[in-house]
């Protein structure tokens, strides 16, 4: 029996989320921008397992087919409330990935790691201080996006996840 890779079912939408993540971490501070983008740029972004699982779950629970508009990158600022359920689900996928990457950056500093995902770790390239600052910046962006969801239950759950992660 030929089975389809379930991650391929949501690949295009996850790419949309990935592009939104890349756009959300741009800052006018060049060193911070470079550091924040380090594991989010093409070729270094990893498998995007967390966003893929979130989008797969959203797809499985949806009663409607995916609106093709949802495959376009949402360019609204992270602090802007979005009314579309699917966009809010995409934002949760974005938040999960930003929190995950933050944990990797901080873990690499704690472990004094030289590599991550087959390339030099960020702390090995830019130093511990900037790597921690980049992780904190990603976490701040995730927090702004989380607050924009305006859903106390989701905010509380994600805050508890973050607390457990730390």
Foldseek 3Di string as FASTA:
>chain_A
DDDDDLLVVCVLLLVLLLVLLLVQLDDPPVLLNCLLCVQSDPPRVPDLVQLSVLLSVVCVPDPDDDDVVSSHHDPDHLLAADDDPVVLSSLVSNLVSLLVVLLVLLVCLVVVDQDDPPHGRSCNVPNNVSSNVSSVSSNVSSLSNLVSNVDVVSNVVVVVVSVVSD
